[in-house]
Amino acid sequence: MFGTAACEKGIKKRTIKLLLLQKGLSDSSVNHFFMLCKTADVNMLMVDEDERLGDAVGRPEIMVLGITDKRFAEQIKYNIVGGSGI
């Protein structure tokens, strides 16, 4: 899922396992998603600006990306936080 509306809906329905936010997203949006993720117990990670999330889905303007597959989410988190790197 990508985009703010789709990701917000996915978090509320608990289908998103990992939320990726692009650094540079407004503070109010980051805080909004932080509270949603905290309530729904969804992991959230910030991605550096040089790794543009929108480019990964063919929509450069996208700054919010929700991963719905648990294993894929775990692998992304491992690569970003404590693994071999992307």
PDB file of N, CA and C in Angstrom:
ATOM      1  N   MET A   1       0.844  -1.168   0.000  1.00  0.00           N
ATOM      2  CA  MET A   1       0.000   0.000   0.000  1.00  0.00           C
ATOM      3  C   MET A   1       0.889   1.231   0.000  1.00  0.00           C
ATOM      4  N   PHE A   2       0.431   2.261  -0.671  1.00  0.00           N
ATOM      5  CA  PHE A   2       1.215   3.486  -0.631  1.00  0.00           C
ATOM      6  C   PHE A   2       0.303   4.691  -0.633  1.00  0.00           C
ATOM      7  N   GLY A   3       0.842   5.780  -0.091  1.00  0.00           N
ATOM      8  CA  GLY A   3       0.067   7.008   0.052  1.00  0.00           C
ATOM      9  C   GLY A   3      -0.515   7.094   1.451  1.00  0.00           C
ATOM     10  N   THR A   4      -0.766   8.314   1.873  1.00  0.00           N
ATOM     11  CA  THR A   4      -1.209   8.532   3.248  1.00  0.00           C
ATOM     12  C   THR A   4      -2.583   7.930   3.529  1.00  0.00           C
ATOM     13  N   ALA A   5      -3.534   8.132   2.654  1.00  0.00           N
ATOM     14  CA  ALA A   5      -4.896   7.636   2.895  1.00  0.00           C
ATOM     15  C   ALA A   5      -4.936   6.111   2.942  1.00  0.00           C
ATOM     16  N   ALA A   6      -4.315   5.464   1.973  1.00  0.00           N
ATOM     17  CA  ALA A   6      -4.316   3.999   1.921  1.00  0.00           C
ATOM     18  C   ALA A   6      -3.589   3.398   3.123  1.00  0.00           C
ATOM     19  N   CYS A   7      -2.477   4.014   3.516  1.00  0.00           N
ATOM     20  CA  CYS A   7      -1.717   3.496   4.650  1.00  0.00           C
ATOM     21  C   CYS A   7      -2.462   3.712   5.966  1.00  0.00           C
ATOM     22  N   GLU A   8      -3.122   4.844   6.101  1.00  0.00           N
ATOM     23  CA  GLU A   8      -3.911   5.082   7.309  1.00  0.00           C
ATOM     24  C   GLU A   8      -5.013   4.026   7.427  1.00  0.00           C
ATOM     25  N   LYS A   9      -5.671   3.747   6.329  1.00  0.00           N
ATOM     26  CA  LYS A   9      -6.726   2.736   6.310  1.00  0.00           C
ATOM     27  C   LYS A   9      -6.147   1.353   6.641  1.00  0.00           C
ATOM     28  N   GLY A  10      -5.000   1.029   6.072  1.00  0.00           N
ATOM     29  CA  GLY A  10      -4.353  -0.262   6.319  1.00  0.00           C
ATOM     30  C   GLY A  10      -3.916  -0.440   7.760  1.00  0.00           C
ATOM     31  N   ILE A  11      -3.457   0.625   8.381  1.00  0.00           N
ATOM     32  CA  ILE A  11      -3.067   0.561   9.796  1.00  0.00           C
ATOM     33  C   ILE A  11      -4.304   0.312  10.651  1.00  0.00           C
ATOM     34  N   LYS A  12      -5.365   1.046  10.380  1.00  0.00           N
ATOM     35  CA  LYS A  12      -6.594   0.895  11.167  1.00  0.00           C
ATOM     36  C   LYS A  12      -7.197  -0.496  11.011  1.00  0.00           C
ATOM     37  N   LYS A  13      -7.061  -1.090   9.815  1.00  0.00           N
ATOM     38  CA  LYS A  13      -7.570  -2.439   9.586  1.00  0.00           C
ATOM     39  C   LYS A  13      -6.570  -3.504  10.026  1.00  0.00           C
ATOM     40  N   ARG A  14      -5.381  -3.059  10.420  1.00  0.00           N
ATOM     41  CA  ARG A  14      -4.300  -3.934  10.896  1.00  0.00           C
ATOM     42  C   ARG A  14      -3.776  -4.884   9.813  1.00  0.00           C
ATOM     43  N   THR A  15      -3.788  -4.415   8.567  1.00  0.00           N
ATOM     44  CA  THR A  15      -3.220  -5.214   7.484  1.00  0.00           C
ATOM     45  C   THR A  15      -1.769  -4.841   7.212  1.00  0.00           C
ATOM     46  N   ILE A  16      -1.349  -3.674   7.659  1.00  0.00           N
ATOM     47  CA  ILE A  16       0.033  -3.232   7.462  1.00  0.00           C
ATOM     48  C   ILE A  16       0.892  -3.759   8.606  1.00  0.00           C
ATOM     49  N   LYS A  17       2.003  -4.383   8.244  1.00  0.00           N
ATOM     50  CA  LYS A  17       2.934  -4.945   9.227  1.00  0.00           C
ATOM     51  C   LYS A  17       4.118  -4.028   9.492  1.00  0.00           C
ATOM     52  N   LEU A  18       4.445  -3.178   8.519  1.00  0.00           N
ATOM     53  CA  LEU A  18       5.557  -2.234   8.646  1.00  0.00           C
ATOM     54  C   LEU A  18       5.215  -0.992   7.833  1.00  0.00           C
ATOM     55  N   LEU A  19       5.396   0.173   8.456  1.00  0.00           N
ATOM     56  CA  LEU A  19       5.151   1.433   7.764  1.00  0.00           C
ATOM     57  C   LEU A  19       6.483   2.131   7.552  1.00  0.00           C
ATOM     58  N   LEU A  20       6.750   2.509   6.311  1.00  0.00           N
ATOM     59  CA  LEU A  20       7.963   3.247   5.975  1.00  0.00           C
ATOM     60  C   LEU A  20       7.587   4.684   5.650  1.00  0.00           C
ATOM     61  N   LEU A  21       8.275   5.607   6.291  1.00  0.00           N
ATOM     62  CA  LEU A  21       8.051   7.037   6.047  1.00  0.00           C
ATOM     63  C   LEU A  21       9.328   7.648   5.506  1.00  0.00           C
ATOM     64  N   GLN A  22       9.191   8.466   4.490  1.00  0.00           N
ATOM     65  CA  GLN A  22      10.314   9.177   3.887  1.00  0.00           C
ATOM     66  C   GLN A  22      10.702  10.350   4.766  1.00  0.00           C
ATOM     67  N   LYS A  23      11.992  10.475   5.089  1.00  0.00           N
ATOM     68  CA  LYS A  23      12.433  11.678   5.796  1.00  0.00           C
ATOM     69  C   LYS A  23      12.097  12.861   4.910  1.00  0.00           C
ATOM     70  N   GLY A  24      11.627  13.918   5.520  1.00  0.00           N
ATOM     71  CA  GLY A  24      11.171  15.069   4.763  1.00  0.00           C
ATOM     72  C   GLY A  24       9.657  15.194   4.805  1.00  0.00           C
ATOM     73  N   LEU A  25       8.984  14.149   5.276  1.00  0.00           N
ATOM     74  CA  LEU A  25       7.541  14.200   5.489  1.00  0.00           C
ATOM     75  C   LEU A  25       7.272  15.194   6.609  1.00  0.00           C
ATOM     76  N   SER A  26       6.179  15.910   6.546  1.00  0.00           N
ATOM     77  CA  SER A  26       5.895  16.944   7.547  1.00  0.00           C
ATOM     78  C   SER A  26       5.829  16.350   8.953  1.00  0.00           C
ATOM     79  N   ASP A  27       6.209  17.166   9.932  1.00  0.00           N
ATOM     80  CA  ASP A  27       6.191  16.728  11.334  1.00  0.00           C
ATOM     81  C   ASP A  27       4.797  16.298  11.767  1.00  0.00           C
ATOM     82  N   SER A  28       3.784  17.009  11.311  1.00  0.00           N
ATOM     83  CA  SER A  28       2.416  16.645  11.705  1.00  0.00           C
ATOM     84  C   SER A  28       2.030  15.282  11.143  1.00  0.00           C
ATOM     85  N   SER A  29       2.450  14.979   9.920  1.00  0.00           N
ATOM     86  CA  SER A  29       2.164  13.665   9.333  1.00  0.00           C
ATOM     87  C   SER A  29       2.924  12.558  10.058  1.00  0.00           C
ATOM     88  N   VAL A  30       4.173  12.829  10.387  1.00  0.00           N
ATOM     89  CA  VAL A  30       4.972  11.844  11.132  1.00  0.00           C
ATOM     90  C   VAL A  30       4.321  11.571  12.478  1.00  0.00           C
ATOM     91  N   ASN A  31       3.928  12.610  13.183  1.00  0.00           N
ATOM     92  CA  ASN A  31       3.285  12.436  14.493  1.00  0.00           C
ATOM     93  C   ASN A  31       1.964  11.680  14.363  1.00  0.00           C
ATOM     94  N   HIS A  32       1.194  12.005  13.334  1.00  0.00           N
ATOM     95  CA  HIS A  32      -0.079  11.329  13.093  1.00  0.00           C
ATOM     96  C   HIS A  32       0.142   9.832  12.898  1.00  0.00           C
ATOM     97  N   PHE A  33       1.081   9.473  12.024  1.00  0.00           N
ATOM     98  CA  PHE A  33       1.352   8.059  11.771  1.00  0.00           C
ATOM     99  C   PHE A  33       1.994   7.377  12.973  1.00  0.00           C
ATOM    100  N   PHE A  34       2.797   8.110  13.717  1.00  0.00           N
ATOM    101  CA  PHE A  34       3.389   7.540  14.923  1.00  0.00           C
ATOM    102  C   PHE A  34       2.292   7.102  15.895  1.00  0.00           C
ATOM    103  N   MET A  35       1.309   7.961  16.115  1.00  0.00           N
ATOM    104  CA  MET A  35       0.223   7.637  17.034  1.00  0.00           C
ATOM    105  C   MET A  35      -0.627   6.484  16.495  1.00  0.00           C
ATOM    106  N   LEU A  36      -0.914   6.470  15.199  1.00  0.00           N
ATOM    107  CA  LEU A  36      -1.670   5.367  14.613  1.00  0.00           C
ATOM    108  C   LEU A  36      -0.926   4.043  14.779  1.00  0.00           C
ATOM    109  N   CYS A  37       0.370   4.054  14.495  1.00  0.00           N
ATOM    110  CA  CYS A  37       1.172   2.833  14.588  1.00  0.00           C
ATOM    111  C   CYS A  37       1.295   2.362  16.034  1.00  0.00           C
ATOM    112  N   LYS A  38       1.434   3.299  16.936  1.00  0.00           N
ATOM    113  CA  LYS A  38       1.533   2.944  18.354  1.00  0.00           C
ATOM    114  C   LYS A  38       0.244   2.275  18.815  1.00  0.00           C
ATOM    115  N   THR A  39      -0.888   2.828  18.439  1.00  0.00           N
ATOM    116  CA  THR A  39      -2.187   2.282  18.820  1.00  0.00           C
ATOM    117  C   THR A  39      -2.408   0.891  18.230  1.00  0.00           C
ATOM    118  N   ALA A  40      -2.005   0.695  16.981  1.00  0.00           N
ATOM    119  CA  ALA A  40      -2.239  -0.569  16.273  1.00  0.00           C
ATOM    120  C   ALA A  40      -1.076  -1.550  16.422  1.00  0.00           C
ATOM    121  N   ASP A  41      -0.031  -1.158  17.151  1.00  0.00           N
ATOM    122  CA  ASP A  41       1.164  -1.986  17.341  1.00  0.00           C
ATOM    123  C   ASP A  41       1.808  -2.371  16.007  1.00  0.00           C
ATOM    124  N   VAL A  42       2.028  -1.353  15.177  1.00  0.00           N
ATOM    125  CA  VAL A  42       2.665  -1.519  13.869  1.00  0.00           C
ATOM    126  C   VAL A  42       4.047  -0.873  13.927  1.00  0.00           C
ATOM    127  N   ASN A  43       5.060  -1.580  13.430  1.00  0.00           N
ATOM    128  CA  ASN A  43       6.404  -1.008  13.365  1.00  0.00           C
ATOM    129  C   ASN A  43       6.453   0.098  12.325  1.00  0.00           C
ATOM    130  N   MET A  44       7.220   1.140  12.630  1.00  0.00           N
ATOM    131  CA  MET A  44       7.358   2.276  11.725  1.00  0.00           C
ATOM    132  C   MET A  44       8.836   2.635  11.631  1.00  0.00           C
ATOM    133  N   LEU A  45       9.312   2.865  10.422  1.00  0.00           N
ATOM    134  CA  LEU A  45      10.697   3.249  10.195  1.00  0.00           C
ATOM    135  C   LEU A  45      10.773   4.468   9.287  1.00  0.00           C
ATOM    136  N   MET A  46      11.758   5.314   9.560  1.00  0.00           N
ATOM    137  CA  MET A  46      12.040   6.456   8.688  1.00  0.00           C
ATOM    138  C   MET A  46      13.129   6.030   7.698  1.00  0.00           C
ATOM    139  N   VAL A  47      12.945   6.424   6.452  1.00  0.00           N
ATOM    140  CA  VAL A  47      13.890   6.096   5.383  1.00  0.00           C
ATOM    141  C   VAL A  47      14.574   7.381   4.938  1.00  0.00           C
ATOM    142  N   ASP A  48      15.895   7.323   4.763  1.00  0.00           N
ATOM    143  CA  ASP A  48      16.656   8.498   4.340  1.00  0.00           C
ATOM    144  C   ASP A  48      16.125   9.071   3.036  1.00  0.00           C
ATOM    145  N   GLU A  49      16.341  10.362   2.872  1.00  0.00           N
ATOM    146  CA  GLU A  49      15.848  11.047   1.676  1.00  0.00           C
ATOM    147  C   GLU A  49      16.493  10.546   0.392  1.00  0.00           C
ATOM    148  N   ASP A  50      17.722  10.037   0.466  1.00  0.00           N
ATOM    149  CA  ASP A  50      18.375   9.568  -0.755  1.00  0.00           C
ATOM    150  C   ASP A  50      17.828   8.207  -1.206  1.00  0.00           C
ATOM    151  N   GLU A  51      17.048   7.536  -0.375  1.00  0.00           N
ATOM    152  CA  GLU A  51      16.384   6.292  -0.759  1.00  0.00           C
ATOM    153  C   GLU A  51      14.892   6.597  -0.901  1.00  0.00           C
ATOM    154  N   ARG A  52      14.497   7.076  -2.057  1.00  0.00           N
ATOM    155  CA  ARG A  52      13.132   7.576  -2.252  1.00  0.00           C
ATOM    156  C   ARG A  52      12.138   6.419  -2.368  1.00  0.00           C
ATOM    157  N   LEU A  53      11.175   6.412  -1.458  1.00  0.00           N
ATOM    158  CA  LEU A  53      10.159   5.366  -1.444  1.00  0.00           C
ATOM    159  C   LEU A  53       9.319   5.380  -2.707  1.00  0.00           C
ATOM    160  N   GLY A  54       8.956   6.546  -3.176  1.00  0.00           N
ATOM    161  CA  GLY A  54       8.113   6.663  -4.356  1.00  0.00           C
ATOM    162  C   GLY A  54       8.722   6.035  -5.593  1.00  0.00           C
ATOM    163  N   ASP A  55      10.039   6.110  -5.704  1.00  0.00           N
ATOM    164  CA  ASP A  55      10.712   5.507  -6.852  1.00  0.00           C
ATOM    165  C   ASP A  55      10.531   3.985  -6.862  1.00  0.00           C
ATOM    166  N   ALA A  56      10.406   3.383  -5.687  1.00  0.00           N
ATOM    167  CA  ALA A  56      10.243   1.933  -5.581  1.00  0.00           C
ATOM    168  C   ALA A  56       8.900   1.469  -6.137  1.00  0.00           C
ATOM    169  N   VAL A  57       7.911   2.349  -6.147  1.00  0.00           N
ATOM    170  CA  VAL A  57       6.584   1.975  -6.646  1.00  0.00           C
ATOM    171  C   VAL A  57       6.210   2.732  -7.924  1.00  0.00           C
ATOM    172  N   GLY A  58       7.158   3.445  -8.486  1.00  0.00           N
ATOM    173  CA  GLY A  58       6.918   4.159  -9.738  1.00  0.00           C
ATOM    174  C   GLY A  58       6.110   5.435  -9.590  1.00  0.00           C
ATOM    175  N   ARG A  59       6.041   5.974  -8.366  1.00  0.00           N
ATOM    176  CA  ARG A  59       5.316   7.222  -8.111  1.00  0.00           C
ATOM    177  C   ARG A  59       6.210   8.094  -7.237  1.00  0.00           C
ATOM    178  N   PRO A  60       7.060   8.931  -7.833  1.00  0.00           N
ATOM    179  CA  PRO A  60       8.055   9.697  -7.086  1.00  0.00           C
ATOM    180  C   PRO A  60       7.505  10.571  -5.965  1.00  0.00           C
ATOM    181  N   GLU A  61       6.235  10.948  -6.019  1.00  0.00           N
ATOM    182  CA  GLU A  61       5.677  11.836  -4.994  1.00  0.00           C
ATOM    183  C   GLU A  61       5.309  11.098  -3.699  1.00  0.00           C
ATOM    184  N   ILE A  62       5.307   9.779  -3.717  1.00  0.00           N
ATOM    185  CA  ILE A  62       4.906   8.980  -2.554  1.00  0.00           C
ATOM    186  C   ILE A  62       5.968   9.044  -1.461  1.00  0.00           C
ATOM    187  N   MET A  63       5.519   9.321  -0.228  1.00  0.00           N
ATOM    188  CA  MET A  63       6.435   9.404   0.911  1.00  0.00           C
ATOM    189  C   MET A  63       6.031   8.465   2.054  1.00  0.00           C
ATOM    190  N   VAL A  64       4.964   7.699   1.850  1.00  0.00           N
ATOM    191  CA  VAL A  64       4.473   6.760   2.857  1.00  0.00           C
ATOM    192  C   VAL A  64       4.190   5.433   2.162  1.00  0.00           C
ATOM    193  N   LEU A  65       4.767   4.360   2.709  1.00  0.00           N
ATOM    194  CA  LEU A  65       4.633   3.048   2.097  1.00  0.00           C
ATOM    195  C   LEU A  65       4.349   2.027   3.188  1.00  0.00           C
ATOM    196  N   GLY A  66       3.293   1.246   3.012  1.00  0.00           N
ATOM    197  CA  GLY A  66       2.927   0.222   3.984  1.00  0.00           C
ATOM    198  C   GLY A  66       3.182  -1.164   3.431  1.00  0.00           C
ATOM    199  N   ILE A  67       3.881  -1.978   4.206  1.00  0.00           N
ATOM    200  CA  ILE A  67       4.190  -3.352   3.816  1.00  0.00           C
ATOM    201  C   ILE A  67       3.184  -4.273   4.505  1.00  0.00           C
ATOM    202  N   THR A  68       2.485  -5.081   3.732  1.00  0.00           N
ATOM    203  CA  THR A  68       1.437  -5.938   4.297  1.00  0.00           C
ATOM    204  C   THR A  68       1.900  -7.375   4.533  1.00  0.00           C
ATOM    205  N   ASP A  69       2.952  -7.805   3.879  1.00  0.00           N
ATOM    206  CA  ASP A  69       3.465  -9.155   4.051  1.00  0.00           C
ATOM    207  C   ASP A  69       4.418  -9.203   5.250  1.00  0.00           C
ATOM    208  N   LYS A  70       4.113 -10.053   6.202  1.00  0.00           N
ATOM    209  CA  LYS A  70       4.892 -10.108   7.451  1.00  0.00           C
ATOM    210  C   LYS A  70       6.360 -10.455   7.218  1.00  0.00           C
ATOM    211  N   ARG A  71       6.635 -11.459   6.398  1.00  0.00           N
ATOM    212  CA  ARG A  71       8.027 -11.869   6.163  1.00  0.00           C
ATOM    213  C   ARG A  71       8.812 -10.796   5.413  1.00  0.00           C
ATOM    214  N   PHE A  72       8.168 -10.176   4.444  1.00  0.00           N
ATOM    215  CA  PHE A  72       8.812  -9.095   3.699  1.00  0.00           C
ATOM    216  C   PHE A  72       9.101  -7.919   4.628  1.00  0.00           C
ATOM    217  N   ALA A  73       8.144  -7.604   5.498  1.00  0.00           N
ATOM    218  CA  ALA A  73       8.316  -6.519   6.464  1.00  0.00           C
ATOM    219  C   ALA A  73       9.483  -6.802   7.397  1.00  0.00           C
ATOM    220  N   GLU A  74       9.591  -8.047   7.871  1.00  0.00           N
ATOM    221  CA  GLU A  74      10.695  -8.423   8.751  1.00  0.00           C
ATOM    222  C   GLU A  74      12.038  -8.284   8.048  1.00  0.00           C
ATOM    223  N   GLN A  75      12.097  -8.673   6.783  1.00  0.00           N
ATOM    224  CA  GLN A  75      13.355  -8.587   6.029  1.00  0.00           C
ATOM    225  C   GLN A  75      13.747  -7.131   5.778  1.00  0.00           C
ATOM    226  N   ILE A  76      12.788  -6.292   5.454  1.00  0.00           N
ATOM    227  CA  ILE A  76      13.085  -4.867   5.254  1.00  0.00           C
ATOM    228  C   ILE A  76      13.592  -4.260   6.555  1.00  0.00           C
ATOM    229  N   LYS A  77      12.911  -4.554   7.640  1.00  0.00           N
ATOM    230  CA  LYS A  77      13.329  -4.030   8.943  1.00  0.00           C
ATOM    231  C   LYS A  77      14.734  -4.513   9.284  1.00  0.00           C
ATOM    232  N   TYR A  78      15.028  -5.766   9.040  1.00  0.00           N
ATOM    233  CA  TYR A  78      16.361  -6.311   9.293  1.00  0.00           C
ATOM    234  C   TYR A  78      17.413  -5.577   8.469  1.00  0.00           C
ATOM    235  N   ASN A  79      17.110  -5.340   7.211  1.00  0.00           N
ATOM    236  CA  ASN A  79      18.069  -4.666   6.331  1.00  0.00           C
ATOM    237  C   ASN A  79      18.308  -3.221   6.726  1.00  0.00           C
ATOM    238  N   ILE A  80      17.272  -2.533   7.168  1.00  0.00           N
ATOM    239  CA  ILE A  80      17.406  -1.108   7.520  1.00  0.00           C
ATOM    240  C   ILE A  80      18.008  -0.940   8.909  1.00  0.00           C
ATOM    241  N   VAL A  81      17.524  -1.704   9.873  1.00  0.00           N
ATOM    242  CA  VAL A  81      17.903  -1.486  11.265  1.00  0.00           C
ATOM    243  C   VAL A  81      19.127  -2.281  11.678  1.00  0.00           C
ATOM    244  N   GLY A  82      19.158  -3.559  11.384  1.00  0.00           N
ATOM    245  CA  GLY A  82      20.227  -4.344  11.973  1.00  0.00           C
ATOM    246  C   GLY A  82      20.774  -5.421  11.089  1.00  0.00           C
ATOM    247  N   GLY A  83      20.883  -5.148   9.830  1.00  0.00           N
ATOM    248  CA  GLY A  83      21.339  -6.209   8.957  1.00  0.00           C
ATOM    249  C   GLY A  83      22.427  -5.778   8.016  1.00  0.00           C
ATOM    250  N   SER A  84      22.364  -6.389   6.877  1.00  0.00           N
ATOM    251  CA  SER A  84      23.412  -6.220   5.885  1.00  0.00           C
ATOM    252  C   SER A  84      23.308  -4.907   5.123  1.00  0.00           C
ATOM    253  N   GLY A  85      22.231  -4.169   5.308  1.00  0.00           N
ATOM    254  CA  GLY A  85      22.045  -2.932   4.554  1.00  0.00           C
ATOM    255  C   GLY A  85      21.317  -3.203   3.260  1.00  0.00           C
ATOM    256  N   ILE A  86      20.819  -2.136   2.673  1.00  0.00           N
ATOM    257  CA  ILE A  86      20.069  -2.289   1.424  1.00  0.00           C
ATOM    258  C   ILE A  86      20.973  -2.004   0.261  1.00  0.00           C
TER     259      ILE A  86
END
